[in-house]
Amino acid sequence: MTQYLLSVIHDWDALGDTTPEEMQEMFEATGRFNEEIEASGHWVFGGGLEHPSTATVVDGAKGANVVSDGPYLEAKEHLGGFWVIEAADLDEAIELGRRASAACARAVEVRPFQSE
């Protein structure tokens, strides 16, 4: 089985357009999805992330020793959460990504990890 990263693409500015009831339903649907993929053996790890403003960027490349606040990129959309799953093939991973997207009501990028 191959491991895949399912990345939740989140527009943090649009969060204000989501009602508390809608947010609660997304949390519940995501919880049900998590339980389903744990039971089916696809689950490896997953979690939600705090707002991008809580990020710290560390750059030690080429001898640099730079630490800065905030996200590295100025973008409208950022990583909002993720799952690491195991799937038999890309088709199965895409289907799990589709189900993840439906649960969290956000777009989900499906990407395989590099093989060893």
PDB file of N, CA and C in Angstrom:
ATOM      1  N   MET A   1       0.847  -1.177   0.000  1.00  0.00           N
ATOM      2  CA  MET A   1       0.000   0.000   0.000  1.00  0.00           C
ATOM      3  C   MET A   1       0.896   1.245   0.000  1.00  0.00           C
ATOM      4  N   THR A   2       0.454   2.253  -0.705  1.00  0.00           N
ATOM      5  CA  THR A   2       1.161   3.527  -0.792  1.00  0.00           C
ATOM      6  C   THR A   2       0.542   4.523   0.176  1.00  0.00           C
ATOM      7  N   GLN A   3       1.376   5.374   0.742  1.00  0.00           N
ATOM      8  CA  GLN A   3       0.858   6.429   1.594  1.00  0.00           C
ATOM      9  C   GLN A   3       0.628   7.690   0.766  1.00  0.00           C
ATOM     10  N   TYR A   4      -0.469   8.367   1.094  1.00  0.00           N
ATOM     11  CA  TYR A   4      -0.861   9.597   0.417  1.00  0.00           C
ATOM     12  C   TYR A   4      -1.141  10.671   1.455  1.00  0.00           C
ATOM     13  N   LEU A   5      -0.887  11.911   1.058  1.00  0.00           N
ATOM     14  CA  LEU A   5      -1.244  13.059   1.872  1.00  0.00           C
ATOM     15  C   LEU A   5      -2.519  13.652   1.295  1.00  0.00           C
ATOM     16  N   LEU A   6      -3.549  13.747   2.121  1.00  0.00           N
ATOM     17  CA  LEU A   6      -4.775  14.446   1.745  1.00  0.00           C
ATOM     18  C   LEU A   6      -4.718  15.803   2.436  1.00  0.00           C
ATOM     19  N   SER A   7      -4.515  16.866   1.681  1.00  0.00           N
ATOM     20  CA  SER A   7      -4.353  18.213   2.222  1.00  0.00           C
ATOM     21  C   SER A   7      -5.644  18.998   2.058  1.00  0.00           C
ATOM     22  N   VAL A   8      -6.144  19.546   3.147  1.00  0.00           N
ATOM     23  CA  VAL A   8      -7.349  20.378   3.106  1.00  0.00           C
ATOM     24  C   VAL A   8      -6.933  21.791   2.702  1.00  0.00           C
ATOM     25  N   ILE A   9      -7.473  22.264   1.588  1.00  0.00           N
ATOM     26  CA  ILE A   9      -7.179  23.601   1.092  1.00  0.00           C
ATOM     27  C   ILE A   9      -8.231  24.533   1.696  1.00  0.00           C
ATOM     28  N   HIS A  10      -7.771  25.447   2.536  1.00  0.00           N
ATOM     29  CA  HIS A  10      -8.692  26.237   3.342  1.00  0.00           C
ATOM     30  C   HIS A  10      -8.511  27.729   3.080  1.00  0.00           C
ATOM     31  N   ASP A  11      -9.611  28.410   2.759  1.00  0.00           N
ATOM     32  CA  ASP A  11      -9.623  29.860   2.618  1.00  0.00           C
ATOM     33  C   ASP A  11     -10.036  30.437   3.970  1.00  0.00           C
ATOM     34  N   TRP A  12      -9.061  30.855   4.735  1.00  0.00           N
ATOM     35  CA  TRP A  12      -9.325  31.319   6.103  1.00  0.00           C
ATOM     36  C   TRP A  12     -10.192  32.561   6.120  1.00  0.00           C
ATOM     37  N   ASP A  13     -10.115  33.403   5.078  1.00  0.00           N
ATOM     38  CA  ASP A  13     -10.937  34.607   5.036  1.00  0.00           C
ATOM     39  C   ASP A  13     -12.414  34.274   4.864  1.00  0.00           C
ATOM     40  N   ALA A  14     -12.721  33.178   4.171  1.00  0.00           N
ATOM     41  CA  ALA A  14     -14.108  32.772   3.951  1.00  0.00           C
ATOM     42  C   ALA A  14     -14.720  32.108   5.178  1.00  0.00           C
ATOM     43  N   LEU A  15     -13.911  31.851   6.193  1.00  0.00           N
ATOM     44  CA  LEU A  15     -14.413  31.203   7.407  1.00  0.00           C
ATOM     45  C   LEU A  15     -15.548  32.005   8.024  1.00  0.00           C
ATOM     46  N   GLY A  16     -15.494  33.332   7.913  1.00  0.00           N
ATOM     47  CA  GLY A  16     -16.547  34.179   8.466  1.00  0.00           C
ATOM     48  C   GLY A  16     -17.901  33.977   7.803  1.00  0.00           C
ATOM     49  N   ASP A  17     -17.914  33.371   6.605  1.00  0.00           N
ATOM     50  CA  ASP A  17     -19.161  33.092   5.899  1.00  0.00           C
ATOM     51  C   ASP A  17     -19.823  31.803   6.376  1.00  0.00           C
ATOM     52  N   THR A  18     -19.160  31.066   7.258  1.00  0.00           N
ATOM     53  CA  THR A  18     -19.654  29.791   7.752  1.00  0.00           C
ATOM     54  C   THR A  18     -20.350  30.004   9.093  1.00  0.00           C
ATOM     55  N   THR A  19     -21.593  29.529   9.183  1.00  0.00           N
ATOM     56  CA  THR A  19     -22.329  29.682  10.440  1.00  0.00           C
ATOM     57  C   THR A  19     -21.801  28.682  11.462  1.00  0.00           C
ATOM     58  N   PRO A  20     -22.016  28.948  12.751  1.00  0.00           N
ATOM     59  CA  PRO A  20     -21.609  27.967  13.772  1.00  0.00           C
ATOM     60  C   PRO A  20     -22.256  26.597  13.552  1.00  0.00           C
ATOM     61  N   GLU A  21     -23.486  26.578  13.063  1.00  0.00           N
ATOM     62  CA  GLU A  21     -24.165  25.302  12.795  1.00  0.00           C
ATOM     63  C   GLU A  21     -23.486  24.543  11.660  1.00  0.00           C
ATOM     64  N   GLU A  22     -23.113  25.277  10.602  1.00  0.00           N
ATOM     65  CA  GLU A  22     -22.417  24.641   9.486  1.00  0.00           C
ATOM     66  C   GLU A  22     -21.050  24.119   9.931  1.00  0.00           C
ATOM     67  N   MET A  23     -20.368  24.899  10.755  1.00  0.00           N
ATOM     68  CA  MET A  23     -19.058  24.486  11.255  1.00  0.00           C
ATOM     69  C   MET A  23     -19.193  23.217  12.090  1.00  0.00           C
ATOM     70  N   GLN A  24     -20.200  23.159  12.934  1.00  0.00           N
ATOM     71  CA  GLN A  24     -20.408  21.971  13.772  1.00  0.00           C
ATOM     72  C   GLN A  24     -20.684  20.748  12.909  1.00  0.00           C
ATOM     73  N   GLU A  25     -21.485  20.910  11.860  1.00  0.00           N
ATOM     74  CA  GLU A  25     -21.773  19.785  10.960  1.00  0.00           C
ATOM     75  C   GLU A  25     -20.502  19.310  10.261  1.00  0.00           C
ATOM     76  N   MET A  26     -19.628  20.245   9.856  1.00  0.00           N
ATOM     77  CA  MET A  26     -18.354  19.854   9.227  1.00  0.00           C
ATOM     78  C   MET A  26     -17.494  19.074  10.214  1.00  0.00           C
ATOM     79  N   PHE A  27     -17.433  19.532  11.470  1.00  0.00           N
ATOM     80  CA  PHE A  27     -16.654  18.813  12.483  1.00  0.00           C
ATOM     81  C   PHE A  27     -17.209  17.403  12.693  1.00  0.00           C
ATOM     82  N   GLU A  28     -18.534  17.286  12.773  1.00  0.00           N
ATOM     83  CA  GLU A  28     -19.157  15.973  12.982  1.00  0.00           C
ATOM     84  C   GLU A  28     -18.937  15.061  11.779  1.00  0.00           C
ATOM     85  N   ALA A  29     -19.112  15.594  10.564  1.00  0.00           N
ATOM     86  CA  ALA A  29     -18.909  14.787   9.355  1.00  0.00           C
ATOM     87  C   ALA A  29     -17.454  14.349   9.232  1.00  0.00           C
ATOM     88  N   THR A  30     -16.533  15.237   9.572  1.00  0.00           N
ATOM     89  CA  THR A  30     -15.111  14.890   9.532  1.00  0.00           C
ATOM     90  C   THR A  30     -14.800  13.822  10.572  1.00  0.00           C
ATOM     91  N   GLY A  31     -15.397  13.924  11.747  1.00  0.00           N
ATOM     92  CA  GLY A  31     -15.214  12.899  12.775  1.00  0.00           C
ATOM     93  C   GLY A  31     -15.704  11.539  12.309  1.00  0.00           C
ATOM     94  N   ARG A  32     -16.871  11.528  11.637  1.00  0.00           N
ATOM     95  CA  ARG A  32     -17.390  10.254  11.104  1.00  0.00           C
ATOM     96  C   ARG A  32     -16.452   9.694  10.035  1.00  0.00           C
ATOM     97  N   PHE A  33     -15.949  10.573   9.160  1.00  0.00           N
ATOM     98  CA  PHE A  33     -15.005  10.128   8.126  1.00  0.00           C
ATOM     99  C   PHE A  33     -13.753   9.538   8.774  1.00  0.00           C
ATOM    100  N   ASN A  34     -13.232  10.212   9.790  1.00  0.00           N
ATOM    101  CA  ASN A  34     -12.050   9.699  10.497  1.00  0.00           C
ATOM    102  C   ASN A  34     -12.311   8.308  11.058  1.00  0.00           C
ATOM    103  N   GLU A  35     -13.453   8.113  11.696  1.00  0.00           N
ATOM    104  CA  GLU A  35     -13.800   6.801  12.256  1.00  0.00           C
ATOM    105  C   GLU A  35     -13.875   5.749  11.165  1.00  0.00           C
ATOM    106  N   GLU A  36     -14.449   6.104  10.009  1.00  0.00           N
ATOM    107  CA  GLU A  36     -14.581   5.151   8.898  1.00  0.00           C
ATOM    108  C   GLU A  36     -13.219   4.726   8.353  1.00  0.00           C
ATOM    109  N   ILE A  37     -12.311   5.690   8.168  1.00  0.00           N
ATOM    110  CA  ILE A  37     -11.017   5.305   7.590  1.00  0.00           C
ATOM    111  C   ILE A  37     -10.121   4.625   8.625  1.00  0.00           C
ATOM    112  N   GLU A  38     -10.347   4.897   9.899  1.00  0.00           N
ATOM    113  CA  GLU A  38      -9.626   4.138  10.929  1.00  0.00           C
ATOM    114  C   GLU A  38     -10.091   2.687  10.909  1.00  0.00           C
ATOM    115  N   ALA A  39     -11.409   2.486  10.847  1.00  0.00           N
ATOM    116  CA  ALA A  39     -11.970   1.135  10.856  1.00  0.00           C
ATOM    117  C   ALA A  39     -11.572   0.349   9.608  1.00  0.00           C
ATOM    118  N   SER A  40     -11.413   1.030   8.469  1.00  0.00           N
ATOM    119  CA  SER A  40     -11.086   0.336   7.217  1.00  0.00           C
ATOM    120  C   SER A  40      -9.586   0.102   7.045  1.00  0.00           C
ATOM    121  N   GLY A  41      -8.773   0.635   7.963  1.00  0.00           N
ATOM    122  CA  GLY A  41      -7.332   0.418   7.889  1.00  0.00           C
ATOM    123  C   GLY A  41      -6.583   1.412   7.016  1.00  0.00           C
ATOM    124  N   HIS A  42      -7.247   2.464   6.530  1.00  0.00           N
ATOM    125  CA  HIS A  42      -6.591   3.466   5.699  1.00  0.00           C
ATOM    126  C   HIS A  42      -5.892   4.545   6.507  1.00  0.00           C
ATOM    127  N   TRP A  43      -6.317   4.761   7.728  1.00  0.00           N
ATOM    128  CA  TRP A  43      -5.808   5.850   8.586  1.00  0.00           C
ATOM    129  C   TRP A  43      -4.364   5.610   8.974  1.00  0.00           C
ATOM    130  N   VAL A  44      -3.521   6.632   8.834  1.00  0.00           N
ATOM    131  CA  VAL A  44      -2.168   6.632   9.376  1.00  0.00           C
ATOM    132  C   VAL A  44      -2.061   7.747  10.413  1.00  0.00           C
ATOM    133  N   PHE A  45      -2.436   8.964  10.007  1.00  0.00           N
ATOM    134  CA  PHE A  45      -2.366  10.108  10.910  1.00  0.00           C
ATOM    135  C   PHE A  45      -3.148  11.252  10.294  1.00  0.00           C
ATOM    136  N   GLY A  46      -3.639  12.154  11.102  1.00  0.00           N
ATOM    137  CA  GLY A  46      -4.327  13.314  10.573  1.00  0.00           C
ATOM    138  C   GLY A  46      -4.519  14.363  11.652  1.00  0.00           C
ATOM    139  N   GLY A  47      -4.843  15.566  11.218  1.00  0.00           N
ATOM    140  CA  GLY A  47      -5.119  16.622  12.170  1.00  0.00           C
ATOM    141  C   GLY A  47      -5.449  17.929  11.494  1.00  0.00           C
ATOM    142  N   GLY A  48      -6.082  18.803  12.261  1.00  0.00           N
ATOM    143  CA  GLY A  48      -6.386  20.150  11.802  1.00  0.00           C
ATOM    144  C   GLY A  48      -5.306  21.105  12.283  1.00  0.00           C
ATOM    145  N   LEU A  49      -5.158  22.202  11.577  1.00  0.00           N
ATOM    146  CA  LEU A  49      -4.125  23.179  11.903  1.00  0.00           C
ATOM    147  C   LEU A  49      -4.756  24.493  12.351  1.00  0.00           C
ATOM    148  N   GLU A  50      -4.033  25.215  13.172  1.00  0.00           N
ATOM    149  CA  GLU A  50      -4.460  26.543  13.600  1.00  0.00           C
ATOM    150  C   GLU A  50      -4.319  27.528  12.443  1.00  0.00           C
ATOM    151  N   HIS A  51      -4.815  28.736  12.619  1.00  0.00           N
ATOM    152  CA  HIS A  51      -4.765  29.789  11.603  1.00  0.00           C
ATOM    153  C   HIS A  51      -3.314  30.024  11.159  1.00  0.00           C
ATOM    154  N   PRO A  52      -3.092  30.331   9.876  1.00  0.00           N
ATOM    155  CA  PRO A  52      -1.729  30.558   9.383  1.00  0.00           C
ATOM    156  C   PRO A  52      -0.957  31.634  10.148  1.00  0.00           C
ATOM    157  N   SER A  53      -1.651  32.571  10.772  1.00  0.00           N
ATOM    158  CA  SER A  53      -0.953  33.620  11.519  1.00  0.00           C
ATOM    159  C   SER A  53      -0.196  33.067  12.719  1.00  0.00           C
ATOM    160  N   THR A  54      -0.483  31.825  13.112  1.00  0.00           N
ATOM    161  CA  THR A  54       0.222  31.203  14.235  1.00  0.00           C
ATOM    162  C   THR A  54       1.508  30.521  13.795  1.00  0.00           C
ATOM    163  N   ALA A  55       1.778  30.517  12.482  1.00  0.00           N
ATOM    164  CA  ALA A  55       2.952  29.821  11.936  1.00  0.00           C
ATOM    165  C   ALA A  55       4.249  30.554  12.267  1.00  0.00           C
ATOM    166  N   THR A  56       5.304  29.780  12.383  1.00  0.00           N
ATOM    167  CA  THR A  56       6.665  30.303  12.490  1.00  0.00           C
ATOM    168  C   THR A  56       7.480  29.643  11.392  1.00  0.00           C
ATOM    169  N   VAL A  57       8.179  30.441  10.615  1.00  0.00           N
ATOM    170  CA  VAL A  57       8.991  29.927   9.522  1.00  0.00           C
ATOM    171  C   VAL A  57      10.444  29.914   9.970  1.00  0.00           C
ATOM    172  N   VAL A  58      11.095  28.764   9.818  1.00  0.00           N
ATOM    173  CA  VAL A  58      12.502  28.598  10.181  1.00  0.00           C
ATOM    174  C   VAL A  58      13.267  28.311   8.897  1.00  0.00           C
ATOM    175  N   ASP A  59      14.289  29.099   8.626  1.00  0.00           N
ATOM    176  CA  ASP A  59      15.099  28.916   7.417  1.00  0.00           C
ATOM    177  C   ASP A  59      16.544  28.710   7.822  1.00  0.00           C
ATOM    178  N   GLY A  60      16.994  27.466   7.752  1.00  0.00           N
ATOM    179  CA  GLY A  60      18.381  27.141   8.048  1.00  0.00           C
ATOM    180  C   GLY A  60      19.153  26.769   6.799  1.00  0.00           C
ATOM    181  N   ALA A  61      18.557  27.023   5.633  1.00  0.00           N
ATOM    182  CA  ALA A  61      19.190  26.667   4.368  1.00  0.00           C
ATOM    183  C   ALA A  61      20.450  27.503   4.135  1.00  0.00           C
ATOM    184  N   LYS A  62      21.452  26.864   3.595  1.00  0.00           N
ATOM    185  CA  LYS A  62      22.706  27.524   3.203  1.00  0.00           C
ATOM    186  C   LYS A  62      23.305  28.326   4.356  1.00  0.00           C
ATOM    187  N   GLY A  63      23.213  27.790   5.558  1.00  0.00           N
ATOM    188  CA  GLY A  63      23.824  28.441   6.711  1.00  0.00           C
ATOM    189  C   GLY A  63      23.020  29.574   7.307  1.00  0.00           C
ATOM    190  N   ALA A  64      21.867  29.847   6.748  1.00  0.00           N
ATOM    191  CA  ALA A  64      21.020  30.912   7.299  1.00  0.00           C
ATOM    192  C   ALA A  64      20.472  30.471   8.645  1.00  0.00           C
ATOM    193  N   ASN A  65      20.177  31.419   9.468  1.00  0.00           N
ATOM    194  CA  ASN A  65      19.552  31.133  10.752  1.00  0.00           C
ATOM    195  C   ASN A  65      18.460  32.177  10.949  1.00  0.00           C
ATOM    196  N   VAL A  66      17.383  32.027  10.157  1.00  0.00           N
ATOM    197  CA  VAL A  66      16.318  33.019  10.146  1.00  0.00           C
ATOM    198  C   VAL A  66      15.053  32.387  10.701  1.00  0.00           C
ATOM    199  N   VAL A  67      14.440  33.066  11.665  1.00  0.00           N
ATOM    200  CA  VAL A  67      13.152  32.660  12.222  1.00  0.00           C
ATOM    201  C   VAL A  67      12.218  33.849  12.080  1.00  0.00           C
ATOM    202  N   SER A  68      11.069  33.642  11.430  1.00  0.00           N
ATOM    203  CA  SER A  68      10.129  34.750  11.241  1.00  0.00           C
ATOM    204  C   SER A  68       8.712  34.299  11.552  1.00  0.00           C
ATOM    205  N   ASP A  69       7.895  35.259  11.942  1.00  0.00           N
ATOM    206  CA  ASP A  69       6.493  34.977  12.270  1.00  0.00           C
ATOM    207  C   ASP A  69       5.666  34.901  10.993  1.00  0.00           C
ATOM    208  N   GLY A  70       4.572  34.140  11.097  1.00  0.00           N
ATOM    209  CA  GLY A  70       3.592  34.106  10.031  1.00  0.00           C
ATOM    210  C   GLY A  70       3.924  33.143   8.928  1.00  0.00           C
ATOM    211  N   PRO A  71       2.980  32.972   8.013  1.00  0.00           N
ATOM    212  CA  PRO A  71       3.205  32.038   6.902  1.00  0.00           C
ATOM    213  C   PRO A  71       4.281  32.567   5.965  1.00  0.00           C
ATOM    214  N   TYR A  72       4.961  31.652   5.318  1.00  0.00           N
ATOM    215  CA  TYR A  72       6.030  31.993   4.376  1.00  0.00           C
ATOM    216  C   TYR A  72       5.468  32.679   3.132  1.00  0.00           C
ATOM    217  N   LEU A  73       4.343  32.173   2.661  1.00  0.00           N
ATOM    218  CA  LEU A  73       3.738  32.697   1.443  1.00  0.00           C
ATOM    219  C   LEU A  73       2.545  33.580   1.773  1.00  0.00           C
ATOM    220  N   GLU A  74       2.382  34.631   1.013  1.00  0.00           N
ATOM    221  CA  GLU A  74       1.172  35.420   1.113  1.00  0.00           C
ATOM    222  C   GLU A  74       0.197  34.817   0.118  1.00  0.00           C
ATOM    223  N   ALA A  75      -0.834  34.194   0.641  1.00  0.00           N
ATOM    224  CA  ALA A  75      -1.791  33.514  -0.217  1.00  0.00           C
ATOM    225  C   ALA A  75      -3.174  33.604   0.403  1.00  0.00           C
ATOM    226  N   LYS A  76      -4.169  33.427  -0.418  1.00  0.00           N
ATOM    227  CA  LYS A  76      -5.553  33.426   0.056  1.00  0.00           C
ATOM    228  C   LYS A  76      -5.872  32.100   0.744  1.00  0.00           C
ATOM    229  N   GLU A  77      -5.323  31.015   0.222  1.00  0.00           N
ATOM    230  CA  GLU A  77      -5.609  29.686   0.744  1.00  0.00           C
ATOM    231  C   GLU A  77      -4.355  29.081   1.355  1.00  0.00           C
ATOM    232  N   HIS A  78      -4.555  28.368   2.444  1.00  0.00           N
ATOM    233  CA  HIS A  78      -3.456  27.712   3.151  1.00  0.00           C
ATOM    234  C   HIS A  78      -3.903  26.306   3.547  1.00  0.00           C
ATOM    235  N   LEU A  79      -2.950  25.528   4.000  1.00  0.00           N
ATOM    236  CA  LEU A  79      -3.239  24.204   4.519  1.00  0.00           C
ATOM    237  C   LEU A  79      -4.043  24.348   5.805  1.00  0.00           C
ATOM    238  N   GLY A  80      -5.218  23.755   5.835  1.00  0.00           N
ATOM    239  CA  GLY A  80      -6.089  23.852   7.008  1.00  0.00           C
ATOM    240  C   GLY A  80      -6.056  22.604   7.863  1.00  0.00           C
ATOM    241  N   GLY A  81      -5.668  21.501   7.277  1.00  0.00           N
ATOM    242  CA  GLY A  81      -5.585  20.223   7.970  1.00  0.00           C
ATOM    243  C   GLY A  81      -5.147  19.171   6.986  1.00  0.00           C
ATOM    244  N   PHE A  82      -4.993  17.953   7.467  1.00  0.00           N
ATOM    245  CA  PHE A  82      -4.483  16.913   6.573  1.00  0.00           C
ATOM    246  C   PHE A  82      -4.758  15.534   7.150  1.00  0.00           C
ATOM    247  N   TRP A  83      -4.670  14.565   6.278  1.00  0.00           N
ATOM    248  CA  TRP A  83      -4.661  13.151   6.646  1.00  0.00           C
ATOM    249  C   TRP A  83      -3.475  12.510   5.942  1.00  0.00           C
ATOM    250  N   VAL A  84      -2.846  11.568   6.572  1.00  0.00           N
ATOM    251  CA  VAL A  84      -1.925  10.659   5.908  1.00  0.00           C
ATOM    252  C   VAL A  84      -2.656   9.328   5.892  1.00  0.00           C
ATOM    253  N   ILE A  85      -2.842   8.790   4.694  1.00  0.00           N
ATOM    254  CA  ILE A  85      -3.600   7.548   4.544  1.00  0.00           C
ATOM    255  C   ILE A  85      -2.754   6.521   3.809  1.00  0.00           C
ATOM    256  N   GLU A  86      -3.190   5.282   3.859  1.00  0.00           N
ATOM    257  CA  GLU A  86      -2.633   4.228   3.023  1.00  0.00           C
ATOM    258  C   GLU A  86      -3.742   3.776   2.089  1.00  0.00           C
ATOM    259  N   ALA A  87      -3.393   3.634   0.808  1.00  0.00           N
ATOM    260  CA  ALA A  87      -4.364   3.200  -0.190  1.00  0.00           C
ATOM    261  C   ALA A  87      -3.673   2.268  -1.171  1.00  0.00           C
ATOM    262  N   ALA A  88      -4.459   1.391  -1.755  1.00  0.00           N
ATOM    263  CA  ALA A  88      -3.916   0.410  -2.692  1.00  0.00           C
ATOM    264  C   ALA A  88      -3.371   1.074  -3.948  1.00  0.00           C
ATOM    265  N   ASP A  89      -4.017   2.170  -4.379  1.00  0.00           N
ATOM    266  CA  ASP A  89      -3.590   2.857  -5.597  1.00  0.00           C
ATOM    267  C   ASP A  89      -4.165   4.271  -5.603  1.00  0.00           C
ATOM    268  N   LEU A  90      -3.819   5.026  -6.640  1.00  0.00           N
ATOM    269  CA  LEU A  90      -4.262   6.409  -6.738  1.00  0.00           C
ATOM    270  C   LEU A  90      -5.783   6.512  -6.806  1.00  0.00           C
ATOM    271  N   ASP A  91      -6.425   5.592  -7.512  1.00  0.00           N
ATOM    272  CA  ASP A  91      -7.886   5.644  -7.609  1.00  0.00           C
ATOM    273  C   ASP A  91      -8.542   5.543  -6.233  1.00  0.00           C
ATOM    274  N   GLU A  92      -8.046   4.639  -5.411  1.00  0.00           N
ATOM    275  CA  GLU A  92      -8.601   4.501  -4.066  1.00  0.00           C
ATOM    276  C   GLU A  92      -8.306   5.764  -3.236  1.00  0.00           C
ATOM    277  N   ALA A  93      -7.105   6.311  -3.377  1.00  0.00           N
ATOM    278  CA  ALA A  93      -6.752   7.532  -2.652  1.00  0.00           C
ATOM    279  C   ALA A  93      -7.632   8.698  -3.084  1.00  0.00           C
ATOM    280  N   ILE A  94      -7.919   8.802  -4.371  1.00  0.00           N
ATOM    281  CA  ILE A  94      -8.795   9.873  -4.866  1.00  0.00           C
ATOM    282  C   ILE A  94     -10.202   9.715  -4.308  1.00  0.00           C
ATOM    283  N   GLU A  95     -10.685   8.501  -4.239  1.00  0.00           N
ATOM    284  CA  GLU A  95     -12.014   8.274  -3.659  1.00  0.00           C
ATOM    285  C   GLU A  95     -12.035   8.681  -2.184  1.00  0.00           C
ATOM    286  N   LEU A  96     -10.990   8.344  -1.446  1.00  0.00           N
ATOM    287  CA  LEU A  96     -10.912   8.771  -0.049  1.00  0.00           C
ATOM    288  C   LEU A  96     -10.796  10.291   0.041  1.00  0.00           C
ATOM    289  N   GLY A  97     -10.067  10.904  -0.883  1.00  0.00           N
ATOM    290  CA  GLY A  97      -9.980  12.359  -0.935  1.00  0.00           C
ATOM    291  C   GLY A  97     -11.320  12.998  -1.215  1.00  0.00           C
ATOM    292  N   ARG A  98     -12.105  12.391  -2.099  1.00  0.00           N
ATOM    293  CA  ARG A  98     -13.452  12.892  -2.394  1.00  0.00           C
ATOM    294  C   ARG A  98     -14.322  12.846  -1.148  1.00  0.00           C
ATOM    295  N   ARG A  99     -14.254  11.737  -0.429  1.00  0.00           N
ATOM    296  CA  ARG A  99     -15.035  11.597   0.802  1.00  0.00           C
ATOM    297  C   ARG A  99     -14.563  12.573   1.873  1.00  0.00           C
ATOM    298  N   ALA A 100     -13.253  12.794   1.948  1.00  0.00           N
ATOM    299  CA  ALA A 100     -12.708  13.760   2.909  1.00  0.00           C
ATOM    300  C   ALA A 100     -13.199  15.164   2.576  1.00  0.00           C
ATOM    301  N   SER A 101     -13.188  15.514   1.308  1.00  0.00           N
ATOM    302  CA  SER A 101     -13.645  16.824   0.866  1.00  0.00           C
ATOM    303  C   SER A 101     -15.123  17.035   1.192  1.00  0.00           C
ATOM    304  N   ALA A 102     -15.929  16.004   0.960  1.00  0.00           N
ATOM    305  CA  ALA A 102     -17.354  16.109   1.284  1.00  0.00           C
ATOM    306  C   ALA A 102     -17.554  16.299   2.787  1.00  0.00           C
ATOM    307  N   ALA A 103     -16.742  15.625   3.591  1.00  0.00           N
ATOM    308  CA  ALA A 103     -16.885  15.711   5.046  1.00  0.00           C
ATOM    309  C   ALA A 103     -16.505  17.087   5.570  1.00  0.00           C
ATOM    310  N   CYS A 104     -15.386  17.629   5.120  1.00  0.00           N
ATOM    311  CA  CYS A 104     -14.897  18.898   5.669  1.00  0.00           C
ATOM    312  C   CYS A 104     -15.368  20.111   4.875  1.00  0.00           C
ATOM    313  N   ALA A 105     -16.074  19.867   3.772  1.00  0.00           N
ATOM    314  CA  ALA A 105     -16.634  20.933   2.924  1.00  0.00           C
ATOM    315  C   ALA A 105     -15.559  21.879   2.393  1.00  0.00           C
ATOM    316  N   ARG A 106     -14.414  21.321   2.061  1.00  0.00           N
ATOM    317  CA  ARG A 106     -13.302  22.072   1.502  1.00  0.00           C
ATOM    318  C   ARG A 106     -12.652  21.217   0.407  1.00  0.00           C
ATOM    319  N   ALA A 107     -11.923  21.858  -0.483  1.00  0.00           N
ATOM    320  CA  ALA A 107     -11.171  21.111  -1.490  1.00  0.00           C
ATOM    321  C   ALA A 107     -10.053  20.339  -0.790  1.00  0.00           C
ATOM    322  N   VAL A 108      -9.732  19.165  -1.328  1.00  0.00           N
ATOM    323  CA  VAL A 108      -8.674  18.324  -0.767  1.00  0.00           C
ATOM    324  C   VAL A 108      -7.732  17.916  -1.892  1.00  0.00           C
ATOM    325  N   GLU A 109      -6.444  18.169  -1.688  1.00  0.00           N
ATOM    326  CA  GLU A 109      -5.416  17.735  -2.638  1.00  0.00           C
ATOM    327  C   GLU A 109      -4.943  16.351  -2.236  1.00  0.00           C
ATOM    328  N   VAL A 110      -4.856  15.440  -3.202  1.00  0.00           N
ATOM    329  CA  VAL A 110      -4.370  14.076  -2.972  1.00  0.00           C
ATOM    330  C   VAL A 110      -2.985  13.980  -3.597  1.00  0.00           C
ATOM    331  N   ARG A 111      -1.995  13.611  -2.771  1.00  0.00           N
ATOM    332  CA  ARG A 111      -0.616  13.545  -3.290  1.00  0.00           C
ATOM    333  C   ARG A 111       0.111  12.354  -2.672  1.00  0.00           C
ATOM    334  N   PRO A 112       0.743  11.506  -3.513  1.00  0.00           N
ATOM    335  CA  PRO A 112       1.486  10.373  -2.960  1.00  0.00           C
ATOM    336  C   PRO A 112       2.804  10.822  -2.333  1.00  0.00           C
ATOM    337  N   PHE A 113       3.230  10.098  -1.329  1.00  0.00           N
ATOM    338  CA  PHE A 113       4.567  10.314  -0.764  1.00  0.00           C
ATOM    339  C   PHE A 113       5.580   9.708  -1.726  1.00  0.00           C
ATOM    340  N   GLN A 114       6.796  10.218  -1.712  1.00  0.00           N
ATOM    341  CA  GLN A 114       7.869   9.649  -2.535  1.00  0.00           C
ATOM    342  C   GLN A 114       8.136   8.226  -2.063  1.00  0.00           C
ATOM    343  N   SER A 115       8.426   7.362  -3.015  1.00  0.00           N
ATOM    344  CA  SER A 115       8.775   5.997  -2.650  1.00  0.00           C
ATOM    345  C   SER A 115      10.196   5.981  -2.111  1.00  0.00           C
ATOM    346  N   GLU A 116      10.478   4.990  -1.287  1.00  0.00           N
ATOM    347  CA  GLU A 116      11.812   4.920  -0.662  1.00  0.00           C
ATOM    348  C   GLU A 116      12.863   4.438  -1.620  1.00  0.00           C
TER     349      GLU A 116
END
